[in-house]
Amino acid sequence: MKSLAPLSILFVTLLGPAAHAQFVDHFEGNEIHPDWQYFTGDGDARLNLVPLDGHARMEIDATDDQHNVWWSIIKRNVAPHLGMEKLASPDYELRIEARIRVSDAPRRVNFMINTQRTTDFHQHLREYDIPNTTEWHTISMTTEGLDAVPGDDLNVQLSATDWGLGQYHVDVDYYRADVVRAAGAEADVGEPLVYHPPIPALDTFTQHRPADHDVVLNRDYPMVNFDGWHTEEKGTKVPVLTVSADQWVLLRWDLSALKNAEADGAGVLELTTQSVQKGGNYVAAYEEDLGVEFDKIRVFEVMGGPEQWDQKELTFQGFAREEPLETLVNGQMVFDVEPAAERGGKTHITLSRPVMQRLLDGTTKGLLIRPLGALEATFYDSQADDPKLAPTLYFNLQ
């Protein structure tokens, strides 16, 4: 597996016109270098970083977490090993790369680069969708406009967040950092995904697909079909979808005709609000960092359950079929977002290109919407009189 020098840490200089200094840790030997820090935050997950057979393993235990809101990070200050004088020049950037393998898939990991002066922690943060557990995957990120000068700490990180409420691991074969000439930097690998990208104009998408089936599932009444869920507006029944603590929304599209198509970039899910009720002093209960995460909706990929369910028949019991929920739904959400509060307001949710591709090829069978917090959010459903109110998927094809 190793093709470079058999030293735990290798420093190389004068590597050629692109790379002027290099930090590499191959995680060989029986100990993790003490300069690696590892820790968790927000929820109640635990992390350990241990040496294995020629690689390091991030061992994550989230079984005591309540809300699946946690992060785990390994972090190292690589400034002592790089040419910080060159990095201070706008002609140079930092490129980091790692080779990883994950215990559960699909799952996202992320890279982050920061200094002790960083205030925008999303500028140099990229996510990577890891599609399987059987292969090693190389991921990389090259900065744009990194503000790092001699005397700064330069922290490189690898993180796994919100994977679920179980035990997980990320294996790291190597982690490297290079100062590279911006003009000659190699293309990044692993498809770096911008964290919470801006929503593009919807008229830039060629495909506009209202949900073919949408239904409310209620865990307290698992044998009941709720296709008739509705509210009233001006004395008229209006079909809606309500998300609350024990009630979730399931969406499905018939994309079978596009099974061999290729997604062109990210897609967008649009939901139209009928009403939102929320509140609660989460900060007092959970403190600031965790408390601000609540009163959102979470969108998950549906990986199991019946293939072609009918909204007039499906129940929670019919969806779960006595299987654990974690085998039916990806434990890591696609996106968390605060729903638009006003009636008729639009909530837009980015679906990354890998998620869109899984929807197209049928690996992902639909989307599940759950609340994060005690909020109740009601959206118009696909049977709304005005088709512009229906849950709609926007995307492009190659």
Protein backbone atom coordinates (compact mmCIF):
# COMPACT_ATOMS: atom_id res chain seq x y z
CA MET A 1 0.00 0.00 0.00
CA LYS A 2 2.90 2.34 0.67
CA SER A 3 5.00 3.61 -2.19
CA LEU A 4 6.95 6.35 -0.38
CA ALA A 5 9.73 6.23 2.18
CA PRO A 6 8.91 4.09 5.25
CA LEU A 7 9.13 6.89 7.76
CA SER A 8 6.21 8.00 9.88
CA ILE A 9 6.80 11.60 8.85
CA LEU A 10 8.66 12.60 5.70
CA PHE A 11 9.70 16.13 4.89
CA VAL A 12 10.84 16.84 1.36
CA THR A 13 11.93 20.09 -0.20
CA LEU A 14 12.52 21.19 -3.77
CA LEU A 15 10.00 18.75 -5.20
CA GLY A 16 9.74 20.49 -8.53
CA PRO A 17 8.14 23.56 -10.03
CA ALA A 18 4.71 23.02 -8.41
CA ALA A 19 5.55 21.89 -4.86
CA HIS A 20 8.15 23.79 -2.82
CA ALA A 21 7.78 22.09 0.52
CA GLN A 22 5.97 19.05 1.77
CA PHE A 23 4.56 17.54 4.92
CA VAL A 24 3.54 13.87 4.83
CA ASP A 25 2.45 11.54 7.59
CA HIS A 26 2.08 7.89 6.54
CA PHE A 27 0.96 6.78 10.01
CA GLU A 28 3.44 3.92 10.05
CA GLY A 29 4.65 2.53 13.34
CA ASN A 30 2.98 1.86 16.63
CA GLU A 31 2.20 5.42 17.72
CA ILE A 32 0.37 8.47 16.41
CA HIS A 33 2.63 11.53 16.35
CA PRO A 34 1.80 13.64 19.43
CA ASP A 35 1.30 16.78 17.31
CA TRP A 36 -1.97 15.33 16.03
CA GLN A 37 -4.93 16.61 18.03
CA TYR A 38 -8.30 14.85 17.96
CA PHE A 39 -11.54 15.91 19.59
CA THR A 40 -15.31 16.14 19.19
CA GLY A 41 -17.91 18.84 19.68
CA ASP A 42 -21.59 19.83 19.81
CA GLY A 43 -23.19 16.52 20.83
CA ASP A 44 -21.97 13.52 22.82
CA ALA A 45 -19.80 11.61 20.36
CA ARG A 46 -16.35 10.35 21.37
CA LEU A 47 -13.26 10.06 19.18
CA ASN A 48 -10.02 8.15 19.45
CA LEU A 49 -7.15 8.19 16.93
CA VAL A 50 -5.27 4.91 16.90
CA PRO A 51 -2.49 3.34 14.80
CA LEU A 52 -3.33 0.22 12.83
CA ASP A 53 -1.56 -1.77 10.12
CA GLY A 54 0.10 1.05 8.19
CA HIS A 55 -2.65 3.62 8.70
CA ALA A 56 -4.45 5.63 11.36
CA ARG A 57 -8.06 5.09 12.36
CA MET A 58 -10.53 7.67 13.64
CA GLU A 59 -12.73 5.59 15.96
CA ILE A 60 -16.03 7.40 16.52
CA ASP A 61 -18.62 6.37 19.09
CA ALA A 62 -21.88 8.32 18.81
CA THR A 63 -24.08 5.82 20.63
CA ASP A 64 -24.64 8.21 23.55
CA ASP A 65 -25.59 11.14 21.32
CA GLN A 66 -29.27 12.14 21.30
CA HIS A 67 -29.81 14.31 18.25
CA ASN A 68 -27.17 13.30 15.68
CA VAL A 69 -25.57 16.73 15.88
CA TRP A 70 -21.87 16.14 16.47
CA TRP A 71 -18.51 16.56 14.84
CA SER A 72 -15.19 14.74 15.14
CA ILE A 73 -11.88 16.22 13.99
CA ILE A 74 -8.24 15.32 13.64
CA LYS A 75 -6.05 18.40 13.38
CA ARG A 76 -2.39 19.28 12.98
CA ASN A 77 -0.40 22.50 12.77
CA VAL A 78 1.84 22.01 9.73
CA ALA A 79 3.35 25.52 9.70
CA PRO A 80 6.73 24.34 11.12
CA HIS A 81 7.17 22.01 8.16
CA LEU A 82 6.19 24.24 5.22
CA GLY A 83 7.59 27.23 3.40
CA MET A 84 5.43 29.86 5.04
CA GLU A 85 7.38 32.67 3.36
CA LYS A 86 6.29 31.40 -0.04
CA LEU A 87 2.76 30.77 1.17
CA ALA A 88 2.45 34.44 2.11
CA SER A 89 2.79 35.29 -1.59
CA PRO A 90 -0.41 35.41 -3.69
CA ASP A 91 1.42 33.25 -6.24
CA TYR A 92 1.32 30.25 -3.88
CA GLU A 93 -1.43 28.22 -2.23
CA LEU A 94 -1.73 25.24 0.09
CA ARG A 95 -2.77 21.84 -1.22
CA ILE A 96 -3.76 19.08 1.19
CA GLU A 97 -4.43 15.47 0.30
CA ALA A 98 -5.41 12.29 2.12
CA ARG A 99 -6.22 8.71 1.24
CA ILE A 100 -9.13 7.45 3.29
CA ARG A 101 -11.54 4.55 3.76
CA VAL A 102 -14.83 4.71 5.65
CA SER A 103 -16.88 2.24 7.67
CA ASP A 104 -20.28 3.36 6.36
CA ALA A 105 -21.32 4.73 2.98
CA PRO A 106 -22.40 6.88 1.42
CA ARG A 107 -20.99 9.37 3.92
CA ARG A 108 -19.37 12.79 3.66
CA VAL A 109 -16.11 13.86 5.27
CA ASN A 110 -14.57 17.31 5.10
CA PHE A 111 -11.24 19.08 4.95
CA MET A 112 -10.70 22.43 6.64
CA ILE A 113 -7.69 24.74 6.69
CA ASN A 114 -7.42 27.64 9.12
CA THR A 115 -5.04 29.78 11.13
CA GLN A 116 -5.37 31.34 14.58
CA ARG A 117 -6.65 34.48 12.76
CA THR A 118 -9.37 32.78 10.74
CA THR A 119 -12.90 34.17 11.13
CA ASP A 120 -14.60 32.63 8.06
CA PHE A 121 -14.30 28.91 8.73
CA HIS A 122 -16.24 27.97 5.60
CA GLN A 123 -13.90 29.64 3.09
CA HIS A 124 -11.42 26.78 3.09
CA LEU A 125 -13.81 23.94 3.93
CA ARG A 126 -14.75 21.30 1.37
CA GLU A 127 -16.86 18.17 1.70
CA TYR A 128 -16.31 14.83 -0.06
CA ASP A 129 -18.99 12.23 -0.72
CA ILE A 130 -17.45 8.80 -0.15
CA PRO A 131 -19.55 6.24 -2.08
CA ASN A 132 -18.41 2.89 -0.68
CA THR A 133 -16.64 1.13 2.18
CA THR A 134 -14.54 -1.30 0.15
CA GLU A 135 -12.05 1.03 -1.53
CA TRP A 136 -9.48 3.63 -0.54
CA HIS A 137 -10.38 7.10 -1.81
CA THR A 138 -7.96 9.97 -2.44
CA ILE A 139 -9.30 13.45 -1.72
CA SER A 140 -7.58 16.81 -2.04
CA MET A 141 -8.21 20.53 -1.65
CA THR A 142 -6.23 23.51 -2.94
CA THR A 143 -6.87 26.87 -1.30
CA GLU A 144 -7.78 30.07 -3.10
CA GLY A 145 -6.56 33.26 -1.49
CA LEU A 146 -5.32 31.66 1.73
CA ASP A 147 -4.25 34.29 4.27
CA ALA A 148 -1.30 32.65 6.03
CA VAL A 149 2.02 34.31 6.86
CA PRO A 150 5.18 33.41 8.78
CA GLY A 151 4.38 33.17 12.48
CA ASP A 152 0.88 31.81 11.93
CA ASP A 153 -0.34 28.42 13.01
CA LEU A 154 -1.53 26.58 9.90
CA ASN A 155 -4.04 23.94 10.91
CA VAL A 156 -5.10 21.17 8.55
CA GLN A 157 -8.12 19.10 9.55
CA LEU A 158 -10.11 16.04 8.56
CA SER A 159 -13.60 15.72 9.99
CA ALA A 160 -16.60 13.39 10.08
CA THR A 161 -19.88 14.94 11.25
CA ASP A 162 -23.46 13.82 11.93
CA TRP A 163 -23.02 10.27 10.60
CA GLY A 164 -25.70 8.82 12.87
CA LEU A 165 -26.05 7.38 16.36
CA GLY A 166 -23.76 4.36 16.05
CA GLN A 167 -20.07 3.47 15.97
CA TYR A 168 -18.04 4.44 12.91
CA HIS A 169 -14.49 4.78 11.70
CA VAL A 170 -12.43 6.62 9.11
CA ASP A 171 -9.11 5.06 8.11
CA VAL A 172 -6.37 7.46 6.98
CA ASP A 173 -3.57 5.97 4.89
CA TYR A 174 -1.65 9.25 4.65
CA TYR A 175 -2.14 12.99 5.04
CA ARG A 176 0.03 15.46 3.17
CA ALA A 177 0.30 19.22 2.74
CA ASP A 178 2.17 21.06 -0.01
CA VAL A 179 2.90 24.67 -0.79
CA VAL A 180 2.18 24.85 -4.52
CA ARG A 181 2.46 27.46 -7.22
CA ALA A 182 -1.14 28.51 -7.87
CA ALA A 183 -0.70 28.67 -11.62
CA GLY A 184 0.64 25.12 -11.83
CA ALA A 185 -1.40 23.34 -9.17
CA GLU A 186 -2.83 19.94 -10.06
CA ALA A 187 -6.57 19.56 -10.34
CA ASP A 188 -8.09 18.44 -7.06
CA VAL A 189 -9.38 14.88 -6.77
CA GLY A 190 -12.34 13.38 -4.94
CA GLU A 191 -14.83 16.03 -6.16
CA PRO A 192 -14.55 18.77 -3.51
CA LEU A 193 -18.02 20.09 -2.64
CA VAL A 194 -18.58 23.65 -1.45
CA TYR A 195 -20.20 23.72 1.98
CA HIS A 196 -23.69 25.26 1.81
CA PRO A 197 -23.29 26.68 -1.72
CA PRO A 198 -25.49 29.57 -2.88
CA ILE A 199 -28.76 28.56 -4.56
CA PRO A 200 -28.58 29.28 -8.31
CA ALA A 201 -31.47 30.84 -10.20
CA LEU A 202 -34.03 28.09 -10.73
CA ASP A 203 -34.42 28.98 -14.41
CA THR A 204 -30.87 27.71 -14.94
CA PHE A 205 -32.17 24.15 -14.45
CA THR A 206 -33.61 22.28 -17.42
CA GLN A 207 -35.43 19.66 -15.33
CA HIS A 208 -38.30 20.69 -13.03
CA ARG A 209 -39.92 17.62 -11.45
CA PRO A 210 -42.75 17.85 -8.89
CA ALA A 211 -42.80 14.88 -6.52
CA ASP A 212 -44.73 11.95 -7.97
CA HIS A 213 -45.63 10.65 -4.53
CA ASP A 214 -45.43 12.32 -1.12
CA VAL A 215 -46.84 11.12 2.16
CA VAL A 216 -46.75 11.71 5.90
CA LEU A 217 -45.44 8.84 8.06
CA ASN A 218 -46.32 8.78 11.76
CA ARG A 219 -44.38 6.55 14.15
CA ASP A 220 -47.13 6.69 16.80
CA TYR A 221 -49.70 5.39 14.32
CA PRO A 222 -47.61 3.03 12.20
CA MET A 223 -50.56 1.25 10.53
CA VAL A 224 -52.36 4.44 9.43
CA ASN A 225 -52.04 5.96 5.97
CA PHE A 226 -52.07 9.78 6.06
CA ASP A 227 -52.56 10.59 2.38
CA GLY A 228 -55.56 12.69 3.41
CA TRP A 229 -53.49 14.97 5.69
CA HIS A 230 -54.77 18.51 5.17
CA THR A 231 -55.45 21.93 6.64
CA GLU A 232 -58.10 24.50 5.76
CA GLU A 233 -57.70 27.82 4.01
CA LYS A 234 -60.82 29.99 3.65
CA GLY A 235 -63.04 27.00 4.34
CA THR A 236 -61.39 24.79 1.73
CA LYS A 237 -59.40 21.65 2.46
CA VAL A 238 -55.78 22.00 1.37
CA PRO A 239 -53.52 18.91 1.14
CA VAL A 240 -50.29 19.45 3.06
CA LEU A 241 -47.30 17.64 4.55
CA THR A 242 -46.45 18.25 8.21
CA VAL A 243 -43.09 17.48 9.81
CA SER A 244 -43.00 17.14 13.59
CA ALA A 245 -41.22 15.11 16.27
CA ASP A 246 -42.82 11.75 15.43
CA GLN A 247 -44.13 12.61 11.99
CA TRP A 248 -41.98 12.69 8.90
CA VAL A 249 -42.43 13.34 5.19
CA LEU A 250 -41.42 10.91 2.46
CA LEU A 251 -40.93 12.10 -1.14
CA ARG A 252 -40.49 10.01 -4.28
CA TRP A 253 -39.93 10.77 -7.95
CA ASP A 254 -40.26 8.39 -10.89
CA LEU A 255 -36.89 8.93 -12.56
CA SER A 256 -36.62 5.47 -14.10
CA ALA A 257 -36.45 6.91 -17.62
CA LEU A 258 -33.27 8.75 -16.55
CA LYS A 259 -31.55 5.76 -14.94
CA ASN A 260 -28.59 5.95 -17.32
CA ALA A 261 -28.40 9.75 -17.32
CA GLU A 262 -25.58 11.73 -15.73
CA ALA A 263 -26.30 14.55 -13.30
CA ASP A 264 -24.72 17.86 -14.27
CA GLY A 265 -23.84 19.51 -10.98
CA ALA A 266 -25.98 19.89 -7.90
CA GLY A 267 -29.77 19.93 -7.84
CA VAL A 268 -32.23 21.81 -5.64
CA LEU A 269 -35.29 20.64 -3.70
CA GLU A 270 -37.94 23.34 -3.31
CA LEU A 271 -40.57 23.23 -0.55
CA THR A 272 -43.36 25.79 -0.15
CA THR A 273 -44.42 26.68 3.40
CA GLN A 274 -48.02 26.60 4.58
CA SER A 275 -47.14 27.27 8.24
CA VAL A 276 -44.32 26.90 10.76
CA GLN A 277 -44.55 26.70 14.55
CA LYS A 278 -41.34 26.77 16.53
CA GLY A 279 -39.76 27.98 19.76
CA GLY A 280 -37.85 26.75 22.75
CA ASN A 281 -34.73 27.98 24.53
CA TYR A 282 -32.32 25.39 23.16
CA VAL A 283 -29.29 27.52 24.04
CA ALA A 284 -30.18 27.44 27.74
CA ALA A 285 -30.54 23.67 27.61
CA TYR A 286 -27.57 22.79 25.39
CA GLU A 287 -25.34 25.92 25.43
CA GLU A 288 -24.58 28.13 22.45
CA ASP A 289 -22.70 25.89 20.02
CA LEU A 290 -25.26 23.09 20.06
CA GLY A 291 -28.35 25.14 20.86
CA VAL A 292 -28.20 27.18 17.66
CA GLU A 293 -28.50 24.01 15.56
CA PHE A 294 -32.19 23.41 16.34
CA ASP A 295 -35.49 24.53 14.79
CA LYS A 296 -34.44 23.22 11.39
CA ILE A 297 -35.60 20.51 9.04
CA ARG A 298 -33.23 17.74 7.95
CA VAL A 299 -33.33 16.02 4.58
CA PHE A 300 -32.08 12.43 4.34
CA GLU A 301 -31.56 9.99 1.48
CA VAL A 302 -33.84 6.95 1.51
CA MET A 303 -31.71 3.90 0.70
CA GLY A 304 -34.18 1.08 1.45
CA GLY A 305 -37.84 0.29 1.89
CA PRO A 306 -40.35 -0.52 -0.86
CA GLU A 307 -39.30 0.42 -4.38
CA GLN A 308 -42.58 1.74 -5.82
CA TRP A 309 -44.83 2.81 -2.97
CA ASP A 310 -48.18 4.54 -3.46
CA GLN A 311 -48.98 7.58 -1.32
CA LYS A 312 -52.58 6.39 -0.95
CA GLU A 313 -51.42 3.16 0.69
CA LEU A 314 -48.04 3.63 2.38
CA THR A 315 -47.84 3.60 6.19
CA PHE A 316 -44.90 3.82 8.54
CA GLN A 317 -45.15 0.08 9.08
CA GLY A 318 -45.26 -0.52 5.33
CA PHE A 319 -42.17 1.63 4.87
CA ALA A 320 -40.10 0.17 7.70
CA ARG A 321 -41.25 -3.46 7.32
CA GLU A 322 -39.74 -4.23 10.74
CA GLU A 323 -36.28 -3.16 9.59
CA PRO A 324 -34.15 -0.75 11.67
CA LEU A 325 -34.54 2.79 10.39
CA GLU A 326 -30.76 3.17 10.04
CA THR A 327 -30.79 0.45 7.34
CA LEU A 328 -33.45 2.33 5.35
CA VAL A 329 -32.22 5.91 5.60
CA ASN A 330 -28.70 7.29 5.31
CA GLY A 331 -27.77 8.25 8.87
CA GLN A 332 -26.06 11.43 7.67
CA MET A 333 -28.47 14.09 6.46
CA VAL A 334 -28.06 15.74 3.07
CA PHE A 335 -28.76 19.19 4.48
CA ASP A 336 -30.08 21.05 7.54
CA VAL A 337 -32.03 24.24 6.90
CA GLU A 338 -34.39 26.63 8.65
CA PRO A 339 -37.73 26.45 6.81
CA ALA A 340 -39.18 29.64 5.39
CA ALA A 341 -41.52 30.94 8.08
CA GLU A 342 -44.12 32.82 6.03
CA ARG A 343 -46.97 31.20 4.09
CA GLY A 344 -45.93 30.74 0.48
CA GLY A 345 -42.26 31.13 1.38
CA LYS A 346 -39.79 28.92 -0.43
CA THR A 347 -37.23 26.68 1.24
CA HIS A 348 -34.42 25.62 -1.09
CA ILE A 349 -32.20 22.67 -0.26
CA THR A 350 -29.04 21.86 -2.20
CA LEU A 351 -28.64 18.25 -3.32
CA SER A 352 -24.99 17.68 -4.24
CA ARG A 353 -24.12 16.10 -7.58
CA PRO A 354 -23.42 12.69 -5.96
CA VAL A 355 -26.84 12.75 -4.26
CA MET A 356 -28.52 13.74 -7.53
CA GLN A 357 -26.73 10.91 -9.31
CA ARG A 358 -27.95 8.40 -6.76
CA LEU A 359 -31.51 9.67 -7.21
CA LEU A 360 -31.19 9.29 -10.98
CA ASP A 361 -29.77 5.77 -10.95
CA GLY A 362 -32.12 4.55 -8.23
CA THR A 363 -29.53 3.94 -5.51
CA THR A 364 -31.37 6.61 -3.51
CA LYS A 365 -35.09 5.83 -3.62
CA GLY A 366 -36.41 9.12 -2.32
CA LEU A 367 -35.98 11.78 0.35
CA LEU A 368 -37.11 11.80 3.98
CA ILE A 369 -37.69 15.05 5.88
CA ARG A 370 -37.45 15.11 9.68
CA PRO A 371 -37.33 17.97 12.18
CA LEU A 372 -34.33 18.92 14.27
CA GLY A 373 -35.99 20.27 17.37
CA ALA A 374 -39.61 20.54 18.47
CA LEU A 375 -40.76 22.61 15.51
CA GLU A 376 -43.75 21.74 13.35
CA ALA A 377 -43.36 22.69 9.70
CA THR A 378 -46.17 22.26 7.17
CA PHE A 379 -45.58 22.38 3.42
CA TYR A 380 -47.93 22.16 0.46
CA ASP A 381 -47.93 18.72 -1.11
CA SER A 382 -48.03 17.42 -4.68
CA GLN A 383 -51.84 17.45 -4.74
CA ALA A 384 -52.00 21.22 -4.23
CA ASP A 385 -54.27 23.02 -6.70
CA ASP A 386 -51.39 25.23 -7.77
CA PRO A 387 -48.58 22.99 -9.13
CA LYS A 388 -46.06 25.70 -8.24
CA LEU A 389 -46.64 24.84 -4.57
CA ALA A 390 -45.68 21.16 -4.88
CA PRO A 391 -42.33 19.81 -3.62
CA THR A 392 -40.19 20.14 -6.73
CA LEU A 393 -36.80 18.81 -7.78
CA TYR A 394 -34.65 21.01 -10.02
CA PHE A 395 -31.60 19.61 -11.79
CA ASN A 396 -29.58 19.47 -15.00
CA LEU A 397 -28.39 16.54 -17.08
CA GLN A 398 -25.18 16.17 -19.04
